Amino acid sequence: MENQLVSQIKIARNIKLMRLSKGLTQEQLADALAIPSTRYANYEQGTRAIPIDTLVAISSYFHLALDALVKSDLSKVDLKGLMHVGENRLLFPILIKDDGKFESIEVVPVKASAGYLSGYADPEFIETLPKAALPFIGNGTHRGFPLTGDSMLPIPDESIIIGRFIERMSDVKDGRTYVVVATSGIAYKRVYIKKQEGVLLMVSDNKMYSPYEIPLESVLELWEFKCYISTKEYAPDEYSLNNLFQQMSGLTRGIEEIKQRLGGKG
């Protein structure tokens, strides 16, 4: 019973914060929700439990994920910095000042990548991510994501891709690289929008990997590439012309072998 009361009070405080951030009176919000103002006042004071249908209506009104409304402490969030990224979804820019000048960015470790898909709308989850200060990347909301594998060479495996949040799909530029957060997972690719088909074409720079498509409606967040961080040191001859020619020669032979095999099957 005590935990239920604490949760009820937290929700009441969140609703009040959202109402005040929009400059609304209790009566105005009650009218928008089609409920009596006295009942709403009880909800906001935390003296009356809020029915689930009313919580859904409040969530929809503020375009705020329901789990963020009922589970998070929105007093820890800069409400002026909230960004709309889809229906009933907001991006929570939880930033910490390190030296009074530069704001930190959140870095999503490899182990946290899976959890990011379920926690991107939860400021408490975002707050647990490690922070890094990068004063040279300019304005915008930035976040770091891990790159695994060799699909985007020459960027090495285990690098951290730093991306700037893109608010609108219309701001995406074909042929540029983005960290794409979708319902199917997180990937860093060169992207192309195919509006008529309603899909996003995902292309690897390493041509050994075939392009693939994902539905535009499955995209949750897009982060434009700004820079990457790598702790791996490359060998002296790793990017020499001779080494690159050898790799290209081997790749060409491999492609020819595949063609011959396919031709033999035909």
C-alpha atoms as a PDB file:
ATOM      1  CA  MET A   1       0.000   0.000   0.000  1.00  0.00           C
ATOM      2  CA  GLU A   2       2.854   2.346   0.874  1.00  0.00           C
ATOM      3  CA  ASN A   3       4.622   1.680  -2.455  1.00  0.00           C
ATOM      4  CA  GLN A   4       1.377   2.319  -4.300  1.00  0.00           C
ATOM      5  CA  LEU A   5       1.012   5.677  -2.549  1.00  0.00           C
ATOM      6  CA  VAL A   6       4.602   6.657  -3.373  1.00  0.00           C
ATOM      7  CA  SER A   7       4.014   5.763  -7.029  1.00  0.00           C
ATOM      8  CA  GLN A   8       0.743   7.700  -7.033  1.00  0.00           C
ATOM      9  CA  ILE A   9       2.495  10.805  -5.695  1.00  0.00           C
ATOM     10  CA  LYS A  10       5.316  10.470  -8.268  1.00  0.00           C
ATOM     11  CA  ILE A  11       2.803  10.308 -11.105  1.00  0.00           C
ATOM     12  CA  ALA A  12       0.938  13.313  -9.680  1.00  0.00           C
ATOM     13  CA  ARG A  13       4.173  15.323  -9.589  1.00  0.00           C
ATOM     14  CA  ASN A  14       5.025  14.329 -13.154  1.00  0.00           C
ATOM     15  CA  ILE A  15       1.618  15.420 -14.404  1.00  0.00           C
ATOM     16  CA  LYS A  16       1.913  18.747 -12.617  1.00  0.00           C
ATOM     17  CA  LEU A  17       5.379  19.309 -14.094  1.00  0.00           C
ATOM     18  CA  MET A  18       4.108  18.607 -17.604  1.00  0.00           C
ATOM     19  CA  ARG A  19       1.078  20.852 -17.098  1.00  0.00           C
ATOM     20  CA  LEU A  20       3.206  23.754 -15.852  1.00  0.00           C
ATOM     21  CA  SER A  21       5.722  23.253 -18.675  1.00  0.00           C
ATOM     22  CA  LYS A  22       2.859  23.882 -21.123  1.00  0.00           C
ATOM     23  CA  GLY A  23       1.604  26.905 -19.195  1.00  0.00           C
ATOM     24  CA  LEU A  24      -1.807  25.335 -18.520  1.00  0.00           C
ATOM     25  CA  THR A  25      -4.116  25.788 -15.565  1.00  0.00           C
ATOM     26  CA  GLN A  26      -5.715  22.800 -13.861  1.00  0.00           C
ATOM     27  CA  GLU A  27      -9.051  23.773 -15.384  1.00  0.00           C
ATOM     28  CA  GLN A  28      -7.624  23.939 -18.909  1.00  0.00           C
ATOM     29  CA  LEU A  29      -6.039  20.495 -18.676  1.00  0.00           C
ATOM     30  CA  ALA A  30      -9.176  19.045 -17.081  1.00  0.00           C
ATOM     31  CA  ASP A  31     -11.247  20.400 -19.983  1.00  0.00           C
ATOM     32  CA  ALA A  32      -8.801  18.890 -22.488  1.00  0.00           C
ATOM     33  CA  LEU A  33      -9.156  15.525 -20.739  1.00  0.00           C
ATOM     34  CA  ALA A  34     -12.954  15.900 -20.491  1.00  0.00           C
ATOM     35  CA  ILE A  35     -13.011  15.373 -16.722  1.00  0.00           C
ATOM     36  CA  PRO A  36     -14.262  17.609 -13.865  1.00  0.00           C
ATOM     37  CA  SER A  37     -11.641  20.072 -12.610  1.00  0.00           C
ATOM     38  CA  THR A  38     -12.173  18.954  -9.007  1.00  0.00           C
ATOM     39  CA  ARG A  39     -11.366  15.365  -9.929  1.00  0.00           C
ATOM     40  CA  TYR A  40      -8.258  16.458 -11.800  1.00  0.00           C
ATOM     41  CA  ALA A  41      -7.162  18.519  -8.780  1.00  0.00           C
ATOM     42  CA  ASN A  42      -7.342  15.362  -6.661  1.00  0.00           C
ATOM     43  CA  TYR A  43      -5.231  13.498  -9.222  1.00  0.00           C
ATOM     44  CA  GLU A  44      -2.578  16.200  -9.186  1.00  0.00           C
ATOM     45  CA  GLN A  45      -2.516  16.319  -5.380  1.00  0.00           C
ATOM     46  CA  GLY A  46      -1.975  12.582  -5.274  1.00  0.00           C
ATOM     47  CA  THR A  47      -5.022  12.010  -3.080  1.00  0.00           C
ATOM     48  CA  ARG A  48      -6.872   9.946  -5.679  1.00  0.00           C
ATOM     49  CA  ALA A  49      -5.651   7.079  -7.877  1.00  0.00           C
ATOM     50  CA  ILE A  50      -5.718   7.849 -11.586  1.00  0.00           C
ATOM     51  CA  PRO A  51      -7.580   5.306 -13.780  1.00  0.00           C
ATOM     52  CA  ILE A  52      -5.540   3.739 -16.565  1.00  0.00           C
ATOM     53  CA  ASP A  53      -7.710   5.281 -19.300  1.00  0.00           C
ATOM     54  CA  THR A  54      -7.044   8.745 -17.868  1.00  0.00           C
ATOM     55  CA  LEU A  55      -3.301   8.025 -17.699  1.00  0.00           C
ATOM     56  CA  VAL A  56      -3.387   6.992 -21.353  1.00  0.00           C
ATOM     57  CA  ALA A  57      -5.246  10.211 -22.224  1.00  0.00           C
ATOM     58  CA  ILE A  58      -2.660  12.296 -20.335  1.00  0.00           C
ATOM     59  CA  SER A  59       0.172  10.406 -22.027  1.00  0.00           C
ATOM     60  CA  SER A  60      -1.372  11.065 -25.427  1.00  0.00           C
ATOM     61  CA  TYR A  61      -2.036  14.730 -24.666  1.00  0.00           C
ATOM     62  CA  PHE A  62       1.590  15.441 -23.737  1.00  0.00           C
ATOM     63  CA  HIS A  63       3.008  13.040 -26.373  1.00  0.00           C
ATOM     64  CA  LEU A  64       4.821  11.310 -23.537  1.00  0.00           C
ATOM     65  CA  ALA A  65       5.469   7.573 -23.321  1.00  0.00           C
ATOM     66  CA  LEU A  66       3.213   6.051 -20.670  1.00  0.00           C
ATOM     67  CA  ASP A  67       6.078   4.239 -18.946  1.00  0.00           C
ATOM     68  CA  ALA A  68       7.999   7.513 -18.658  1.00  0.00           C
ATOM     69  CA  LEU A  69       4.954   9.182 -17.110  1.00  0.00           C
ATOM     70  CA  VAL A  70       4.386   6.527 -14.442  1.00  0.00           C
ATOM     71  CA  LYS A  71       7.924   5.238 -13.772  1.00  0.00           C
ATOM     72  CA  SER A  72      10.278   8.185 -14.167  1.00  0.00           C
ATOM     73  CA  ASP A  73      11.030  11.252 -12.097  1.00  0.00           C
ATOM     74  CA  LEU A  74      10.550  14.027 -14.632  1.00  0.00           C
ATOM     75  CA  SER A  75      11.922  16.607 -12.193  1.00  0.00           C
ATOM     76  CA  LYS A  76      15.378  15.309 -13.204  1.00  0.00           C
ATOM     77  CA  VAL A  77      14.721  16.152 -16.842  1.00  0.00           C
ATOM     78  CA  ASP A  78      15.186  19.462 -18.641  1.00  0.00           C
ATOM     79  CA  LEU A  79      11.618  19.699 -19.937  1.00  0.00           C
ATOM     80  CA  LYS A  80      12.546  22.525 -22.288  1.00  0.00           C
ATOM     81  CA  GLY A  81      15.026  20.223 -23.981  1.00  0.00           C
ATOM     82  CA  LEU A  82      12.588  17.400 -24.677  1.00  0.00           C
ATOM     83  CA  MET A  83      12.414  16.450 -28.354  1.00  0.00           C
ATOM     84  CA  HIS A  84       9.466  14.776 -30.038  1.00  0.00           C
ATOM     85  CA  VAL A  85      10.688  11.727 -31.955  1.00  0.00           C
ATOM     86  CA  GLY A  86       7.416   9.984 -32.735  1.00  0.00           C
ATOM     87  CA  GLU A  87       3.929   9.331 -31.467  1.00  0.00           C
ATOM     88  CA  ASN A  88       3.915   9.489 -27.662  1.00  0.00           C
ATOM     89  CA  ARG A  89       7.706   9.383 -27.581  1.00  0.00           C
ATOM     90  CA  LEU A  90      10.211  11.941 -26.384  1.00  0.00           C
ATOM     91  CA  LEU A  91      14.002  12.075 -26.355  1.00  0.00           C
ATOM     92  CA  PHE A  92      15.335  12.766 -22.868  1.00  0.00           C
ATOM     93  CA  PRO A  93      18.513  14.869 -23.017  1.00  0.00           C
ATOM     94  CA  ILE A  94      19.980  14.010 -19.570  1.00  0.00           C
ATOM     95  CA  LEU A  95      23.194  16.019 -19.639  1.00  0.00           C
ATOM     96  CA  ILE A  96      25.694  16.701 -16.869  1.00  0.00           C
ATOM     97  CA  LYS A  97      27.966  19.698 -16.741  1.00  0.00           C
ATOM     98  CA  ASP A  98      31.592  18.620 -16.249  1.00  0.00           C
ATOM     99  CA  ASP A  99      33.418  21.932 -16.107  1.00  0.00           C
ATOM    100  CA  GLY A 100      30.712  24.552 -16.519  1.00  0.00           C
ATOM    101  CA  LYS A 101      31.404  24.907 -20.251  1.00  0.00           C
ATOM    102  CA  PHE A 102      30.857  21.610 -22.001  1.00  0.00           C
ATOM    103  CA  GLU A 103      27.967  19.237 -21.634  1.00  0.00           C
ATOM    104  CA  SER A 104      28.528  15.508 -21.487  1.00  0.00           C
ATOM    105  CA  ILE A 105      27.068  13.022 -23.943  1.00  0.00           C
ATOM    106  CA  GLU A 106      25.729   9.586 -23.066  1.00  0.00           C
ATOM    107  CA  VAL A 107      27.634   6.578 -24.395  1.00  0.00           C
ATOM    108  CA  VAL A 108      25.758   3.314 -24.919  1.00  0.00           C
ATOM    109  CA  PRO A 109      28.153   0.424 -24.100  1.00  0.00           C
ATOM    110  CA  VAL A 110      27.939  -2.869 -26.019  1.00  0.00           C
ATOM    111  CA  LYS A 111      26.373  -4.602 -23.003  1.00  0.00           C
ATOM    112  CA  ALA A 112      23.678  -1.898 -22.800  1.00  0.00           C
ATOM    113  CA  SER A 113      22.753  -1.937 -26.496  1.00  0.00           C
ATOM    114  CA  ALA A 114      19.933  -4.444 -26.076  1.00  0.00           C
ATOM    115  CA  GLY A 115      18.553  -2.547 -23.094  1.00  0.00           C
ATOM    116  CA  TYR A 116      18.604   0.721 -25.039  1.00  0.00           C
ATOM    117  CA  LEU A 117      15.703  -0.431 -27.224  1.00  0.00           C
ATOM    118  CA  SER A 118      13.468  -0.721 -24.164  1.00  0.00           C
ATOM    119  CA  GLY A 119      15.006   2.119 -22.154  1.00  0.00           C
ATOM    120  CA  TYR A 120      15.433   4.932 -24.694  1.00  0.00           C
ATOM    121  CA  ALA A 121      12.271   6.649 -23.351  1.00  0.00           C
ATOM    122  CA  ASP A 122      13.234   6.201 -19.698  1.00  0.00           C
ATOM    123  CA  PRO A 123      15.360   9.073 -18.317  1.00  0.00           C
ATOM    124  CA  GLU A 124      16.440   6.905 -15.388  1.00  0.00           C
ATOM    125  CA  PHE A 125      17.942   4.362 -17.822  1.00  0.00           C
ATOM    126  CA  ILE A 126      19.639   7.091 -19.863  1.00  0.00           C
ATOM    127  CA  GLU A 127      21.030   8.578 -16.652  1.00  0.00           C
ATOM    128  CA  THR A 128      22.813   5.287 -15.875  1.00  0.00           C
ATOM    129  CA  LEU A 129      24.792   5.413 -19.132  1.00  0.00           C
ATOM    130  CA  PRO A 130      28.441   6.485 -18.867  1.00  0.00           C
ATOM    131  CA  LYS A 131      29.199  10.070 -19.888  1.00  0.00           C
ATOM    132  CA  ALA A 132      31.959  11.621 -21.983  1.00  0.00           C
ATOM    133  CA  ALA A 133      32.749  15.282 -22.686  1.00  0.00           C
ATOM    134  CA  LEU A 134      33.511  16.107 -26.332  1.00  0.00           C
ATOM    135  CA  PRO A 135      33.716  19.907 -26.680  1.00  0.00           C
ATOM    136  CA  PHE A 136      34.635  19.841 -30.381  1.00  0.00           C
ATOM    137  CA  ILE A 137      31.468  18.309 -31.863  1.00  0.00           C
ATOM    138  CA  GLY A 138      29.343  21.457 -31.864  1.00  0.00           C
ATOM    139  CA  ASN A 139      25.704  22.106 -31.015  1.00  0.00           C
ATOM    140  CA  GLY A 140      22.957  19.517 -30.836  1.00  0.00           C
ATOM    141  CA  THR A 141      21.998  16.501 -28.780  1.00  0.00           C
ATOM    142  CA  HIS A 142      24.632  13.805 -29.156  1.00  0.00           C
ATOM    143  CA  ARG A 143      24.991  10.186 -28.073  1.00  0.00           C
ATOM    144  CA  GLY A 144      27.613   7.467 -28.526  1.00  0.00           C
ATOM    145  CA  PHE A 145      26.865   3.973 -29.862  1.00  0.00           C
ATOM    146  CA  PRO A 146      29.161   0.923 -30.151  1.00  0.00           C
ATOM    147  CA  LEU A 147      30.210  -0.407 -33.547  1.00  0.00           C
ATOM    148  CA  THR A 148      30.838  -4.138 -33.773  1.00  0.00           C
ATOM    149  CA  GLY A 149      32.151  -6.025 -36.773  1.00  0.00           C
ATOM    150  CA  ASP A 150      33.823  -4.902 -40.008  1.00  0.00           C
ATOM    151  CA  SER A 151      30.815  -3.860 -42.075  1.00  0.00           C
ATOM    152  CA  MET A 152      31.775  -0.159 -42.025  1.00  0.00           C
ATOM    153  CA  LEU A 153      35.519  -0.322 -42.700  1.00  0.00           C
ATOM    154  CA  PRO A 154      37.841   1.525 -42.401  1.00  0.00           C
ATOM    155  CA  ILE A 155      36.176   2.356 -39.057  1.00  0.00           C
ATOM    156  CA  PRO A 156      37.485  -0.485 -36.868  1.00  0.00           C
ATOM    157  CA  ASP A 157      35.531  -2.944 -34.757  1.00  0.00           C
ATOM    158  CA  GLU A 158      34.695  -1.834 -31.179  1.00  0.00           C
ATOM    159  CA  SER A 159      34.732   1.872 -32.074  1.00  0.00           C
ATOM    160  CA  ILE A 160      32.234   4.305 -30.568  1.00  0.00           C
ATOM    161  CA  ILE A 161      30.196   6.212 -33.149  1.00  0.00           C
ATOM    162  CA  ILE A 162      29.207   9.676 -31.959  1.00  0.00           C
ATOM    163  CA  GLY A 163      25.975  10.817 -33.562  1.00  0.00           C
ATOM    164  CA  ARG A 164      23.861  13.971 -33.536  1.00  0.00           C
ATOM    165  CA  PHE A 165      20.142  13.423 -33.060  1.00  0.00           C
ATOM    166  CA  ILE A 166      18.005  13.996 -36.171  1.00  0.00           C
ATOM    167  CA  GLU A 167      14.502  15.221 -35.332  1.00  0.00           C
ATOM    168  CA  ARG A 168      12.810  14.700 -38.712  1.00  0.00           C
ATOM    169  CA  MET A 169      13.137  11.988 -41.332  1.00  0.00           C
ATOM    170  CA  SER A 170      13.069  14.763 -43.934  1.00  0.00           C
ATOM    171  CA  ASP A 171      16.450  15.959 -42.606  1.00  0.00           C
ATOM    172  CA  VAL A 172      18.127  12.679 -43.558  1.00  0.00           C
ATOM    173  CA  LYS A 173      20.513  13.009 -46.524  1.00  0.00           C
ATOM    174  CA  ASP A 174      20.811  10.037 -48.851  1.00  0.00           C
ATOM    175  CA  GLY A 175      24.264   8.479 -48.870  1.00  0.00           C
ATOM    176  CA  ARG A 176      25.263   9.782 -45.429  1.00  0.00           C
ATOM    177  CA  THR A 177      25.949   7.491 -42.486  1.00  0.00           C
ATOM    178  CA  TYR A 178      23.665   7.254 -39.465  1.00  0.00           C
ATOM    179  CA  VAL A 179      23.177   5.207 -36.344  1.00  0.00           C
ATOM    180  CA  VAL A 180      19.702   3.769 -36.878  1.00  0.00           C
ATOM    181  CA  VAL A 181      17.761   2.723 -33.799  1.00  0.00           C
ATOM    182  CA  ALA A 182      14.884   0.522 -34.965  1.00  0.00           C
ATOM    183  CA  THR A 183      12.594  -2.031 -33.401  1.00  0.00           C
ATOM    184  CA  SER A 184      14.837  -4.711 -34.927  1.00  0.00           C
ATOM    185  CA  GLY A 185      18.016  -3.378 -33.334  1.00  0.00           C
ATOM    186  CA  ILE A 186      20.762  -0.745 -33.573  1.00  0.00           C
ATOM    187  CA  ALA A 187      22.942  -0.437 -36.694  1.00  0.00           C
ATOM    188  CA  TYR A 188      25.423   2.043 -38.167  1.00  0.00           C
ATOM    189  CA  LYS A 189      24.991   2.205 -41.957  1.00  0.00           C
ATOM    190  CA  ARG A 190      24.928   4.436 -45.005  1.00  0.00           C
ATOM    191  CA  VAL A 191      21.244   5.078 -45.579  1.00  0.00           C
ATOM    192  CA  TYR A 192      18.895   5.930 -48.435  1.00  0.00           C
ATOM    193  CA  ILE A 193      15.202   6.745 -48.045  1.00  0.00           C
ATOM    194  CA  LYS A 194      12.823   4.995 -50.460  1.00  0.00           C
ATOM    195  CA  LYS A 195       9.639   6.925 -49.755  1.00  0.00           C
ATOM    196  CA  GLN A 196       7.399   5.183 -52.274  1.00  0.00           C
ATOM    197  CA  GLU A 197       8.247   1.765 -50.844  1.00  0.00           C
ATOM    198  CA  GLY A 198       8.155   3.124 -47.276  1.00  0.00           C
ATOM    199  CA  VAL A 199      11.561   1.661 -46.427  1.00  0.00           C
ATOM    200  CA  LEU A 200      15.041   2.739 -45.400  1.00  0.00           C
ATOM    201  CA  LEU A 201      17.843   1.152 -47.432  1.00  0.00           C
ATOM    202  CA  MET A 202      20.772   0.197 -45.176  1.00  0.00           C
ATOM    203  CA  VAL A 203      24.129  -0.098 -46.977  1.00  0.00           C
ATOM    204  CA  SER A 204      27.475  -1.244 -45.556  1.00  0.00           C
ATOM    205  CA  ASP A 205      30.720   0.332 -46.800  1.00  0.00           C
ATOM    206  CA  ASN A 206      32.231  -3.148 -46.789  1.00  0.00           C
ATOM    207  CA  LYS A 207      30.674  -4.574 -49.965  1.00  0.00           C
ATOM    208  CA  MET A 208      30.995  -8.114 -48.630  1.00  0.00           C
ATOM    209  CA  TYR A 209      27.782  -7.317 -46.770  1.00  0.00           C
ATOM    210  CA  SER A 210      24.590  -7.078 -48.788  1.00  0.00           C
ATOM    211  CA  PRO A 211      22.292  -4.044 -48.426  1.00  0.00           C
ATOM    212  CA  TYR A 212      18.961  -4.596 -46.713  1.00  0.00           C
ATOM    213  CA  GLU A 213      15.763  -2.656 -46.083  1.00  0.00           C
ATOM    214  CA  ILE A 214      13.786  -1.850 -42.967  1.00  0.00           C
ATOM    215  CA  PRO A 215      10.308  -0.244 -42.760  1.00  0.00           C
ATOM    216  CA  LEU A 216      10.372   3.495 -42.096  1.00  0.00           C
ATOM    217  CA  GLU A 217       7.725   3.008 -39.429  1.00  0.00           C
ATOM    218  CA  SER A 218      10.101   0.743 -37.482  1.00  0.00           C
ATOM    219  CA  VAL A 219      12.699   3.523 -37.081  1.00  0.00           C
ATOM    220  CA  LEU A 220      12.741   4.881 -33.525  1.00  0.00           C
ATOM    221  CA  GLU A 221      15.727   7.236 -33.631  1.00  0.00           C
ATOM    222  CA  LEU A 222      18.307   8.487 -36.147  1.00  0.00           C
ATOM    223  CA  TRP A 223      21.749   9.829 -35.196  1.00  0.00           C
ATOM    224  CA  GLU A 224      23.887  11.508 -37.857  1.00  0.00           C
ATOM    225  CA  PHE A 225      27.594  10.606 -37.792  1.00  0.00           C
ATOM    226  CA  LYS A 226      29.820  13.305 -36.284  1.00  0.00           C
ATOM    227  CA  CYS A 227      32.974  11.406 -35.342  1.00  0.00           C
ATOM    228  CA  TYR A 228      34.184   8.120 -33.931  1.00  0.00           C
ATOM    229  CA  ILE A 229      36.451   7.061 -31.067  1.00  0.00           C
ATOM    230  CA  SER A 230      38.679   4.010 -31.232  1.00  0.00           C
ATOM    231  CA  THR A 231      41.205   2.644 -28.739  1.00  0.00           C
ATOM    232  CA  LYS A 232      42.702   0.214 -31.268  1.00  0.00           C
ATOM    233  CA  GLU A 233      46.133   0.963 -32.680  1.00  0.00           C
ATOM    234  CA  TYR A 234      46.650  -0.105 -36.282  1.00  0.00           C
ATOM    235  CA  ALA A 235      49.805  -1.827 -37.538  1.00  0.00           C
ATOM    236  CA  PRO A 236      52.372   0.225 -39.530  1.00  0.00           C
ATOM    237  CA  ASP A 237      51.529  -1.504 -42.822  1.00  0.00           C
ATOM    238  CA  GLU A 238      47.806  -2.011 -42.197  1.00  0.00           C
ATOM    239  CA  TYR A 239      46.792   0.793 -44.545  1.00  0.00           C
ATOM    240  CA  SER A 240      49.798   0.694 -46.874  1.00  0.00           C
ATOM    241  CA  LEU A 241      49.115   0.677 -50.623  1.00  0.00           C
ATOM    242  CA  ASN A 242      50.652  -2.776 -50.983  1.00  0.00           C
ATOM    243  CA  ASN A 243      48.436  -4.212 -48.258  1.00  0.00           C
ATOM    244  CA  LEU A 244      45.345  -2.584 -49.700  1.00  0.00           C
ATOM    245  CA  PHE A 245      46.139  -3.919 -53.205  1.00  0.00           C
ATOM    246  CA  GLN A 246      46.564  -7.408 -51.750  1.00  0.00           C
ATOM    247  CA  GLN A 247      43.202  -7.159 -49.999  1.00  0.00           C
ATOM    248  CA  MET A 248      41.514  -5.919 -53.179  1.00  0.00           C
ATOM    249  CA  SER A 249      43.119  -8.704 -55.209  1.00  0.00           C
ATOM    250  CA  GLY A 250      41.924 -11.306 -52.735  1.00  0.00           C
ATOM    251  CA  LEU A 251      38.442  -9.793 -52.716  1.00  0.00           C
ATOM    252  CA  THR A 252      38.316  -9.834 -56.534  1.00  0.00           C
ATOM    253  CA  ARG A 253      39.347 -13.498 -56.645  1.00  0.00           C
ATOM    254  CA  GLY A 254      36.691 -14.303 -54.052  1.00  0.00           C
ATOM    255  CA  ILE A 255      33.999 -12.575 -56.105  1.00  0.00           C
ATOM    256  CA  GLU A 256      35.084 -14.426 -59.244  1.00  0.00           C
ATOM    257  CA  GLU A 257      34.908 -17.751 -57.413  1.00  0.00           C
ATOM    258  CA  ILE A 258      31.384 -16.948 -56.225  1.00  0.00           C
ATOM    259  CA  LYS A 259      30.347 -16.019 -59.778  1.00  0.00           C
ATOM    260  CA  GLN A 260      31.762 -19.275 -61.113  1.00  0.00           C
ATOM    261  CA  ARG A 261      29.909 -21.284 -58.486  1.00  0.00           C
ATOM    262  CA  LEU A 262      26.659 -19.489 -59.248  1.00  0.00           C
ATOM    263  CA  GLY A 263      27.242 -19.973 -62.979  1.00  0.00           C
ATOM    264  CA  GLY A 264      27.866 -23.665 -62.471  1.00  0.00           C
ATOM    265  CA  LYS A 265      24.555 -24.044 -60.674  1.00  0.00           C
ATOM    266  CA  GLY A 266      22.719 -22.367 -63.508  1.00  0.00           C
END
